[in-house]
Protein backbone atom coordinates (compact mmCIF):
# COMPACT_ATOMS: atom_id res chain seq x y z
CA UNK A 1 169.91 308.81 247.26
CA UNK A 2 166.82 306.84 248.23
CA UNK A 3 164.54 309.89 248.23
CA UNK A 4 165.40 310.87 244.63
CA UNK A 5 163.50 309.44 241.65
CA UNK A 6 163.30 310.17 237.92
CA UNK A 7 159.80 311.40 237.00
CA UNK A 8 160.21 312.58 233.41
CA UNK A 9 162.43 313.93 230.67
CA UNK A 10 163.07 317.48 229.44
CA UNK A 11 165.31 318.46 226.52
CA UNK A 12 166.69 314.93 226.50
CA UNK A 13 167.70 315.05 230.17
CA UNK A 14 166.06 313.30 233.15
CA UNK A 15 163.81 315.30 235.47
CA UNK A 16 164.42 314.22 239.05
CA UNK A 17 162.19 314.60 242.10
CA UNK A 18 163.27 314.72 245.73
CA UNK A 19 160.86 313.62 248.47
CA UNK A 20 161.37 315.47 251.77
CA UNK A 21 159.83 314.68 255.15
CA UNK A 22 160.33 315.62 258.79
CA UNK A 23 159.46 313.93 262.06
CA UNK A 24 156.40 316.16 262.63
CA UNK A 25 154.65 314.76 259.57
CA UNK A 26 155.30 317.48 256.98
CA UNK A 27 156.18 316.20 253.50
CA UNK A 28 157.24 317.87 250.26
CA UNK A 29 158.19 316.92 246.70
CA UNK A 30 160.70 319.06 244.78
CA UNK A 31 161.41 318.76 241.04
CA UNK A 32 164.69 319.68 239.38
CA UNK A 33 162.66 321.27 236.56
CA UNK A 34 162.14 324.86 237.63
CA UNK A 35 163.19 324.01 241.20
CA UNK A 36 159.44 323.42 241.54
CA UNK A 37 157.75 322.58 244.82
CA UNK A 38 155.32 320.08 243.29
CA UNK A 39 153.49 319.05 246.46
CA UNK A 40 153.41 319.96 250.15
CA UNK A 41 151.49 318.43 253.07
CA UNK A 42 151.49 319.80 256.62
CA UNK A 43 150.09 318.31 259.85
CA UNK A 44 146.51 319.26 260.73
CA UNK A 45 145.44 317.57 263.95
CA UNK A 46 145.86 313.84 263.43
CA UNK A 47 145.65 314.23 259.65
CA UNK A 48 147.62 316.09 256.97
CA UNK A 49 146.52 318.89 254.66
CA UNK A 50 147.75 319.50 251.13
CA UNK A 51 148.50 323.23 250.86
CA UNK A 52 149.82 323.90 247.31
CA UNK A 53 148.59 323.55 243.74
CA UNK A 54 150.39 321.32 241.26
CA UNK A 55 150.11 318.39 238.88
CA UNK A 56 150.37 314.65 239.60
CA UNK A 57 153.06 314.11 236.96
CA UNK A 58 155.78 316.17 235.30
CA UNK A 59 154.36 316.12 231.77
CA UNK A 60 151.81 318.98 232.12
CA UNK A 61 154.29 321.46 233.61
CA UNK A 62 156.17 322.81 230.54
CA UNK A 63 152.96 323.63 228.63
CA UNK A 64 150.33 324.26 231.28
CA UNK A 65 151.85 325.41 234.57
CA UNK A 66 151.35 329.10 235.53
CA UNK A 67 154.62 328.91 237.52
CA UNK A 68 153.17 326.41 240.03
CA UNK A 69 155.78 326.17 242.81
CA UNK A 70 158.63 327.46 240.64
CA UNK A 71 161.59 329.73 241.34
CA UNK A 72 161.04 332.77 239.13
CA UNK A 73 164.15 334.55 237.81
CA UNK A 74 166.64 335.88 236.75
CA UNK A 75 164.27 338.78 237.51
CA UNK A 76 160.90 337.79 238.97
CA UNK A 77 157.91 340.01 238.21
CA UNK A 78 157.91 342.65 235.46
CA UNK A 79 160.39 344.92 233.67
CA UNK A 80 158.83 347.67 231.58
CA UNK A 81 159.57 347.16 227.87
CA UNK A 82 162.22 344.67 228.94
CA UNK A 83 164.85 347.37 229.05
CA UNK A 84 166.94 349.18 231.65
CA UNK A 85 170.32 350.87 232.08
CA UNK A 86 173.12 349.18 233.98
CA UNK A 87 176.78 350.12 234.35
CA UNK A 88 176.37 352.97 231.86
CA UNK A 89 174.75 351.00 229.07
CA UNK A 90 171.30 349.96 227.90
CA UNK A 91 170.29 346.35 228.44
CA UNK A 92 167.47 344.70 226.47
CA UNK A 93 166.04 341.43 227.77
CA UNK A 94 163.46 339.26 226.05
CA UNK A 95 159.82 340.32 225.80
CA UNK A 96 157.32 337.67 226.83
CA UNK A 97 154.42 339.41 228.57
CA UNK A 98 151.60 341.78 227.82
CA UNK A 99 148.47 341.95 229.93
CA UNK A 100 146.05 342.65 228.36
CA UNK A 101 147.46 341.36 225.03
CA UNK A 102 148.95 343.99 222.76
CA UNK A 103 148.43 344.39 219.00
CA UNK A 104 148.45 341.02 217.27
CA UNK A 105 149.42 339.46 220.59
CA UNK A 106 152.96 340.90 220.44
CA UNK A 107 154.53 340.89 223.93
CA UNK A 108 155.76 344.25 225.16
CA UNK A 109 157.22 343.55 228.61
CA UNK A 110 159.47 341.11 230.47
CA UNK A 111 158.03 338.72 233.09
CA UNK A 112 159.70 336.17 235.41
CA UNK A 113 162.97 335.97 233.52
CA UNK A 114 161.68 335.70 229.96
CA UNK A 115 160.54 332.93 227.65
CA UNK A 116 162.69 330.37 229.43
CA UNK A 117 163.23 331.78 232.89
CA UNK A 118 164.66 329.92 235.85
CA UNK A 119 161.26 328.35 236.58
CA UNK A 120 161.25 326.61 233.18
CA UNK A 121 164.64 324.90 233.06
CA UNK A 122 166.49 322.08 234.72
CA UNK A 123 168.38 322.65 237.93
CA UNK A 124 170.97 320.22 239.33
CA UNK A 125 170.87 318.49 242.71
CA UNK A 126 173.94 319.65 244.65
CA UNK A 127 173.13 317.89 247.92
CA UNK A 128 170.13 316.24 249.56
CA UNK A 129 169.08 314.77 252.89
CA UNK A 130 165.83 313.47 254.34
CA UNK A 131 164.47 316.96 255.03
CA UNK A 132 166.49 319.28 252.78
CA UNK A 133 167.73 319.66 249.21
CA UNK A 134 169.99 322.20 247.49
CA UNK A 135 169.64 322.78 243.76
CA UNK A 136 171.99 324.70 241.49
CA UNK A 137 171.62 326.50 238.15
CA UNK A 138 174.12 328.26 235.88
CA UNK A 139 172.72 331.03 233.69
CA UNK A 140 175.25 331.97 230.98
CA UNK A 141 176.23 335.50 229.97
CA UNK A 142 173.56 336.83 227.59
CA UNK A 143 170.90 334.39 228.81
CA UNK A 144 167.51 335.95 227.88
CA UNK A 145 169.51 339.15 227.32
CA UNK A 146 170.91 339.41 230.87
CA UNK A 147 174.59 340.27 231.24
CA UNK A 148 176.91 338.11 233.30
CA UNK A 149 177.31 334.42 234.02
CA UNK A 150 175.10 333.88 237.06
CA UNK A 151 175.42 330.92 239.42
CA UNK A 152 172.28 330.41 241.53
CA UNK A 153 171.32 328.02 244.32
CA UNK A 154 168.00 327.16 245.93
CA UNK A 155 167.71 325.24 249.20
CA UNK A 156 164.39 323.85 250.41
CA UNK A 157 164.23 322.66 254.02
CA UNK A 158 161.32 321.20 255.98
CA UNK A 159 161.92 322.66 259.43
CA UNK A 160 160.04 321.52 262.52
CA UNK A 161 157.17 321.34 262.96
CA UNK A 162 155.70 322.57 259.66
CA UNK A 163 157.87 325.26 258.06
CA UNK A 164 159.02 325.36 254.45
CA UNK A 165 162.28 327.30 254.41
CA UNK A 166 163.45 328.66 251.04
CA UNK A 167 167.02 329.97 250.79
CA UNK A 168 168.15 331.55 247.51
CA UNK A 169 171.60 332.82 246.53
CA UNK A 170 173.42 334.00 243.40
CA UNK A 171 176.80 335.31 242.24
CA UNK A 172 177.88 336.88 238.93
CA UNK A 173 181.05 337.62 236.96
CA UNK A 174 179.64 340.86 235.39
CA UNK A 175 177.25 343.55 236.65
CA UNK A 176 173.70 342.25 236.33
CA UNK A 177 170.32 342.31 238.07
CA UNK A 178 168.80 339.56 240.20
CA UNK A 179 165.38 339.18 241.79
CA UNK A 180 164.40 335.60 242.62
CA UNK A 181 161.01 334.60 244.04
CA UNK A 182 159.29 331.41 245.13
CA UNK A 183 156.01 331.13 243.23
CA UNK A 184 153.82 328.52 244.94
CA UNK A 185 150.05 328.83 244.79
CA UNK A 186 148.71 328.06 248.28
CA UNK A 187 145.31 326.78 249.35
CA UNK A 188 144.92 326.00 253.04
CA UNK A 189 141.73 323.92 252.97
CA UNK A 190 141.26 322.48 249.47
CA UNK A 191 138.29 324.70 248.64
CA UNK A 192 137.70 325.69 245.02
CA UNK A 193 138.03 329.42 245.78
CA UNK A 194 140.48 330.96 248.27
CA UNK A 195 138.93 334.42 248.40
CA UNK A 196 137.34 333.65 251.76
CA UNK A 197 140.77 332.98 253.28
CA UNK A 198 141.56 335.68 255.82
CA UNK A 199 144.61 337.71 254.83
CA UNK A 200 146.78 340.11 256.80
CA UNK A 201 149.70 341.90 255.09
CA UNK A 202 152.11 343.88 257.25
CA UNK A 203 152.38 346.75 254.78
CA UNK A 204 151.24 350.37 254.87
CA UNK A 205 152.31 351.19 251.30
CA UNK A 206 152.18 349.63 247.84
CA UNK A 207 153.47 350.32 244.31
CA UNK A 208 150.43 350.89 242.03
CA UNK A 209 150.51 349.71 238.41
CA UNK A 210 149.05 350.53 235.01
CA UNK A 211 146.76 348.24 232.99
CA UNK A 212 149.76 346.05 232.06
CA UNK A 213 150.72 345.63 235.74
CA UNK A 214 153.81 347.81 235.23
CA UNK A 215 154.50 350.08 238.25
CA UNK A 216 153.69 353.75 237.71
CA UNK A 217 156.58 354.76 239.98
CA UNK A 218 154.28 355.98 242.73
CA UNK A 219 154.37 354.71 246.30
CA UNK A 220 150.89 354.99 247.78
CA UNK A 221 149.38 354.42 251.19
CA UNK A 222 146.99 351.48 251.48
CA UNK A 223 144.80 353.39 253.95
CA UNK A 224 141.11 353.67 253.04
CA UNK A 225 141.56 351.45 250.00
CA UNK A 226 140.85 347.82 249.03
CA UNK A 227 144.61 347.22 249.48
CA UNK A 228 144.57 347.76 253.23
CA UNK A 229 145.19 344.32 254.75
CA UNK A 230 146.85 345.58 257.92
CA UNK A 231 143.90 343.99 259.73
CA UNK A 232 142.85 340.53 258.56
CA UNK A 233 139.97 340.35 256.10
CA UNK A 234 138.83 337.97 253.33
CA UNK A 235 141.14 338.13 250.32
CA UNK A 236 138.37 339.01 247.88
CA UNK A 237 136.02 340.96 250.07
CA UNK A 238 135.57 344.73 249.92
CA UNK A 239 134.35 346.66 252.94
CA UNK A 240 131.15 347.57 251.10
CA UNK A 241 130.60 344.13 249.62
CA UNK A 242 131.55 342.76 246.23
CA UNK A 243 134.81 341.26 245.00
CA UNK A 244 138.22 342.56 243.97
CA UNK A 245 141.24 341.15 242.15
CA UNK A 246 144.80 341.45 243.39
CA UNK A 247 148.21 341.08 241.75
CA UNK A 248 150.08 343.75 243.66
CA UNK A 249 153.36 344.59 245.35
CA UNK A 250 153.18 345.52 249.04
CA UNK A 251 156.07 347.25 250.82
CA UNK A 252 157.07 345.73 254.14
CA UNK A 253 156.85 348.02 257.14
CA UNK A 254 160.04 346.81 258.84
CA UNK A 255 163.47 345.97 257.36
CA UNK A 256 165.27 342.73 258.12
CA UNK A 257 163.89 339.25 258.61
CA UNK A 258 160.32 339.28 259.88
CA UNK A 259 156.71 338.45 259.11
CA UNK A 260 155.22 339.98 255.97
CA UNK A 261 151.83 338.24 255.81
CA UNK A 262 149.46 335.90 257.64
CA UNK A 263 146.65 333.82 256.13
CA UNK A 264 144.00 331.77 257.96
CA UNK A 265 141.48 329.31 256.52
CA UNK A 266 138.01 329.91 258.01
CA UNK A 267 137.13 326.26 257.30
CA UNK A 268 139.84 324.33 259.13
CA UNK A 269 141.73 327.02 261.07
CA UNK A 270 145.05 326.27 259.37
CA UNK A 271 147.36 329.30 259.46
CA UNK A 272 150.19 330.28 257.12
CA UNK A 273 152.68 332.98 258.07
CA UNK A 274 155.18 334.22 255.50
CA UNK A 275 158.49 335.47 256.96
CA UNK A 276 161.22 336.99 254.82
CA UNK A 277 164.19 339.35 254.61
CA UNK A 278 163.00 340.87 251.32
CA UNK A 279 161.72 344.47 251.14
CA UNK A 280 158.36 343.63 249.55
CA UNK A 281 155.88 340.85 248.85
CA UNK A 282 153.73 340.31 245.77
CA UNK A 283 150.22 339.10 246.61
CA UNK A 284 148.37 337.40 243.75
CA UNK A 285 144.89 335.96 244.26
CA UNK A 286 145.04 333.52 241.34
CA UNK A 287 142.33 335.26 239.31
CA UNK A 288 143.76 334.04 235.99
CA UNK A 289 144.23 330.37 236.88
CA UNK A 290 142.67 328.35 234.08
CA UNK A 291 144.51 325.08 233.48
CA UNK A 292 143.08 322.19 231.50
CA UNK A 293 144.93 319.23 233.05
CA UNK A 294 143.58 318.06 236.38
CA UNK A 295 145.58 319.06 239.41
CA UNK A 296 146.83 317.18 242.45
CA UNK A 297 144.29 314.68 243.74
CA UNK A 298 142.28 314.93 240.50
CA UNK A 299 141.10 318.45 241.35
CA UNK A 300 140.16 320.94 238.61
CA UNK A 301 141.81 324.34 239.08
CA UNK A 302 139.89 327.44 238.08
CA UNK A 303 140.11 331.12 238.92
CA UNK A 304 141.14 331.81 242.53
CA UNK A 305 142.04 328.16 243.23
CA UNK A 306 145.19 329.34 245.02
CA UNK A 307 147.04 332.47 246.13
CA UNK A 308 150.68 333.53 245.94
CA UNK A 309 152.89 335.34 248.45
CA UNK A 310 156.15 336.12 246.63
CA UNK A 311 158.81 337.98 248.66
CA UNK A 312 161.11 340.02 246.40
CA UNK A 313 162.33 343.52 245.50
CA UNK A 314 159.89 345.94 243.87
CA UNK A 315 158.82 345.12 240.29
CA UNK A 316 160.49 347.18 237.53
CA UNK A 317 163.05 348.35 240.09
CA UNK A 318 165.87 348.57 237.45
CA UNK A 319 163.94 351.49 235.91
CA UNK A 320 163.03 353.21 239.17
CA UNK A 321 166.02 354.64 241.09
CA UNK A 322 163.83 355.33 244.14
CA UNK A 323 162.77 351.65 244.30
CA UNK A 324 164.85 348.91 245.93
CA UNK A 325 167.93 347.96 243.92
CA UNK A 326 168.23 344.61 242.14
CA UNK A 327 171.80 345.19 240.97
CA UNK A 328 174.41 342.50 241.64
CA UNK A 329 178.11 343.11 241.01
CA UNK A 330 181.09 340.74 240.84
CA UNK A 331 182.27 339.87 244.32
CA UNK A 332 178.79 340.35 245.84
CA UNK A 333 176.37 337.62 246.88
CA UNK A 334 172.63 337.88 246.35
CA UNK A 335 170.75 336.10 249.13
CA UNK A 336 167.16 335.62 250.22
CA UNK A 337 165.61 333.81 253.16
CA UNK A 338 161.87 333.14 253.17
CA UNK A 339 159.87 330.85 255.44
CA UNK A 340 156.30 329.65 255.03
CA UNK A 341 155.22 328.68 258.53
CA UNK A 342 152.11 326.55 258.99
CA UNK A 343 150.30 326.05 262.30
């Protein structure tokens, strides 16, 4: 395949990259490591605008990437204490997260699939064309503590004129849980701080968290709070002035495939709409970005250099029966369709 090149090596195996393009001028680069969207340009007038964060080469990713463009899984987001009950028994998955750090830096919770989640391992190219690629990954029974042999696929497509379509699927041979999420950091105008981007989230409720970002189990209205983005406002701006940080799960107002969020750059007018069939979306404003290697185009990335819109089920849902279910049983197919539409 002419649009596939080898860009590095990981665990003694080649890391491949697929270059996608469509006739409208959109272009993307996808790595087999982590199923990472490494770069994405979309048309902006007669020019093109880079709209994601990433690195120029593969080498910085394993040590320095905060999930730039990766597919997070087997369970994206957080599981309290890394434990839950499934099919009548207790399951313990690996612990790799604590925020703020616990005693002696010992992790207490599970985040994005564990120490070596889906966003940190090699996928395989199953098929590729000029504007689309399908990647596959097999997660064995017991992987990071998860039961069941899971077979996952991820398809990236550059649809006309400037839409990144992400299709995710999975099947298992034992009862397990699955929650996959695309984890790109977006920046619509190349500015150093995205908090002036105008954000609208089509959500009237959210799942609040404790200091470790673990859901409390409550479902609260966003009304009269900093979390009310039902009308567009700057990402970091409070009604009374000042700034605020966000890493929060918002519950979509309508089931089925539809828009969950809209973002507009006040500098160049570029718009991003996120459409999905998932019940919720995690909005993260990139407050903790602090990477040493230079990013794409030789740009230094600091706090709030990009934002994430991650469609998924509710975090810690395996421990909350009243949350959306992440269970997957033999004979069932997990599927997700998400589109990032630029205009």
